[in-house]
Amino acid sequence: MQNARLSLAWLIAGMSLSALGFLLLIGQPFTAKAQEQKQFQYRIVEVLPDTHNMQTKLNEFGASGWELVAVSMGNMTEPRMIFKK
């Protein structure tokens, strides 16, 4: 009985591998597409160092499709937010 189960398992595994090989053989070849070089725009915005002003600028630029990528402190009193699109 155990030999029958083992034989059935090998038969199923063999059929599965054969089907996979057949599909790989007749399937469309994978072609690597060259990726287009993306063009980014950057914008540096100096803001007053208060939370409300910074949040307003973040929402304004975010609504226009800009993404914040860095914050530089410049002269330590006026943060510079760097956006890219």
C-alpha atoms as a PDB file:
ATOM      1  CA  MET A   1       0.000   0.000   0.000  1.00  0.00           C
ATOM      2  CA  GLN A   2       2.834   2.368   0.870  1.00  0.00           C
ATOM      3  CA  ASN A   3       4.618   1.540  -2.392  1.00  0.00           C
ATOM      4  CA  ALA A   4       1.457   2.463  -4.325  1.00  0.00           C
ATOM      5  CA  ARG A   5       1.302   5.857  -2.585  1.00  0.00           C
ATOM      6  CA  LEU A   6       4.972   6.480  -3.252  1.00  0.00           C
ATOM      7  CA  SER A   7       4.563   5.512  -6.905  1.00  0.00           C
ATOM      8  CA  LEU A   8       1.536   7.792  -7.235  1.00  0.00           C
ATOM      9  CA  ALA A   9       3.474  10.693  -5.674  1.00  0.00           C
ATOM     10  CA  TRP A  10       6.380  10.164  -8.123  1.00  0.00           C
ATOM     11  CA  LEU A  11       3.938   9.966 -11.027  1.00  0.00           C
ATOM     12  CA  ILE A  12       2.278  13.257 -10.021  1.00  0.00           C
ATOM     13  CA  ALA A  13       5.670  14.951  -9.518  1.00  0.00           C
ATOM     14  CA  GLY A  14       6.893  13.722 -12.906  1.00  0.00           C
ATOM     15  CA  MET A  15       3.750  14.908 -14.672  1.00  0.00           C
ATOM     16  CA  SER A  16       3.982  18.312 -12.966  1.00  0.00           C
ATOM     17  CA  LEU A  17       7.609  18.766 -13.981  1.00  0.00           C
ATOM     18  CA  SER A  18       6.830  17.659 -17.512  1.00  0.00           C
ATOM     19  CA  ALA A  19       3.966  20.146 -17.762  1.00  0.00           C
ATOM     20  CA  LEU A  20       6.190  22.920 -16.436  1.00  0.00           C
ATOM     21  CA  GLY A  21       8.922  22.060 -18.924  1.00  0.00           C
ATOM     22  CA  PHE A  22       6.408  22.029 -21.767  1.00  0.00           C
ATOM     23  CA  LEU A  23       5.048  25.440 -20.765  1.00  0.00           C
ATOM     24  CA  LEU A  24       8.552  26.879 -20.574  1.00  0.00           C
ATOM     25  CA  LEU A  25       9.359  25.416 -23.970  1.00  0.00           C
ATOM     26  CA  ILE A  26       6.347  26.817 -25.815  1.00  0.00           C
ATOM     27  CA  GLY A  27       5.918  30.009 -23.772  1.00  0.00           C
ATOM     28  CA  GLN A  28       6.870  33.464 -24.924  1.00  0.00           C
ATOM     29  CA  PRO A  29      10.526  34.232 -24.299  1.00  0.00           C
ATOM     30  CA  PHE A  30      11.204  36.788 -21.607  1.00  0.00           C
ATOM     31  CA  THR A  31      12.619  39.970 -23.025  1.00  0.00           C
ATOM     32  CA  ALA A  32      14.305  42.552 -20.878  1.00  0.00           C
ATOM     33  CA  LYS A  33      13.068  46.027 -21.651  1.00  0.00           C
ATOM     34  CA  ALA A  34      15.447  48.904 -21.399  1.00  0.00           C
ATOM     35  CA  GLN A  35      14.175  51.304 -18.809  1.00  0.00           C
ATOM     36  CA  GLU A  36      13.752  54.874 -19.822  1.00  0.00           C
ATOM     37  CA  GLN A  37      15.936  57.264 -17.921  1.00  0.00           C
ATOM     38  CA  LYS A  38      13.713  59.265 -15.610  1.00  0.00           C
ATOM     39  CA  GLN A  39      13.981  63.017 -15.529  1.00  0.00           C
ATOM     40  CA  PHE A  40      13.575  64.556 -12.094  1.00  0.00           C
ATOM     41  CA  GLN A  41      13.008  68.148 -11.096  1.00  0.00           C
ATOM     42  CA  TYR A  42      14.234  69.418  -7.753  1.00  0.00           C
ATOM     43  CA  ARG A  43      13.126  72.386  -5.741  1.00  0.00           C
ATOM     44  CA  ILE A  44      14.721  73.830  -2.590  1.00  0.00           C
ATOM     45  CA  VAL A  45      12.396  75.820  -0.350  1.00  0.00           C
ATOM     46  CA  GLU A  46      13.469  77.817   2.700  1.00  0.00           C
ATOM     47  CA  VAL A  47      10.760  77.986   5.346  1.00  0.00           C
ATOM     48  CA  LEU A  48      10.300  79.575   8.734  1.00  0.00           C
ATOM     49  CA  PRO A  49      11.149  77.068  11.458  1.00  0.00           C
ATOM     50  CA  ASP A  50       7.650  76.757  12.908  1.00  0.00           C
ATOM     51  CA  THR A  51       5.543  73.623  12.596  1.00  0.00           C
ATOM     52  CA  HIS A  52       2.482  75.301  11.086  1.00  0.00           C
ATOM     53  CA  ASN A  53       4.468  77.006   8.306  1.00  0.00           C
ATOM     54  CA  MET A  54       6.392  73.810   7.478  1.00  0.00           C
ATOM     55  CA  GLN A  55       3.193  71.739   7.415  1.00  0.00           C
ATOM     56  CA  THR A  56       1.523  74.254   5.113  1.00  0.00           C
ATOM     57  CA  LYS A  57       4.446  74.097   2.660  1.00  0.00           C
ATOM     58  CA  LEU A  58       4.569  70.286   2.809  1.00  0.00           C
ATOM     59  CA  ASN A  59       0.850  70.034   2.018  1.00  0.00           C
ATOM     60  CA  GLU A  60       1.116  72.635  -0.736  1.00  0.00           C
ATOM     61  CA  PHE A  61       3.993  70.904  -2.522  1.00  0.00           C
ATOM     62  CA  GLY A  62       2.603  67.409  -1.898  1.00  0.00           C
ATOM     63  CA  ALA A  63      -0.690  68.383  -3.542  1.00  0.00           C
ATOM     64  CA  SER A  64       1.299  69.497  -6.591  1.00  0.00           C
ATOM     65  CA  GLY A  65       3.046  66.135  -6.914  1.00  0.00           C
ATOM     66  CA  TRP A  66       6.309  67.026  -5.172  1.00  0.00           C
ATOM     67  CA  GLU A  67       7.955  64.542  -2.802  1.00  0.00           C
ATOM     68  CA  LEU A  68      10.062  65.643   0.153  1.00  0.00           C
ATOM     69  CA  VAL A  69      13.474  63.959  -0.096  1.00  0.00           C
ATOM     70  CA  ALA A  70      15.609  65.843   2.455  1.00  0.00           C
ATOM     71  CA  VAL A  71      15.656  68.617   5.008  1.00  0.00           C
ATOM     72  CA  SER A  72      18.794  70.697   5.342  1.00  0.00           C
ATOM     73  CA  MET A  73      19.219  73.104   8.222  1.00  0.00           C
ATOM     74  CA  GLY A  74      21.249  75.640   6.235  1.00  0.00           C
ATOM     75  CA  ASN A  75      22.363  78.282   8.714  1.00  0.00           C
ATOM     76  CA  MET A  76      20.631  76.408  11.587  1.00  0.00           C
ATOM     77  CA  THR A  77      17.756  78.890  11.793  1.00  0.00           C
ATOM     78  CA  GLU A  78      15.948  78.394   8.477  1.00  0.00           C
ATOM     79  CA  PRO A  79      15.264  74.817   7.372  1.00  0.00           C
ATOM     80  CA  ARG A  80      15.530  74.063   3.670  1.00  0.00           C
ATOM     81  CA  MET A  81      13.149  71.421   2.384  1.00  0.00           C
ATOM     82  CA  ILE A  82      14.298  69.649  -0.777  1.00  0.00           C
ATOM     83  CA  PHE A  83      11.547  68.265  -3.004  1.00  0.00           C
ATOM     84  CA  LYS A  84      11.693  66.185  -6.163  1.00  0.00           C
ATOM     85  CA  LYS A  85       9.139  65.465  -8.838  1.00  0.00           C
END
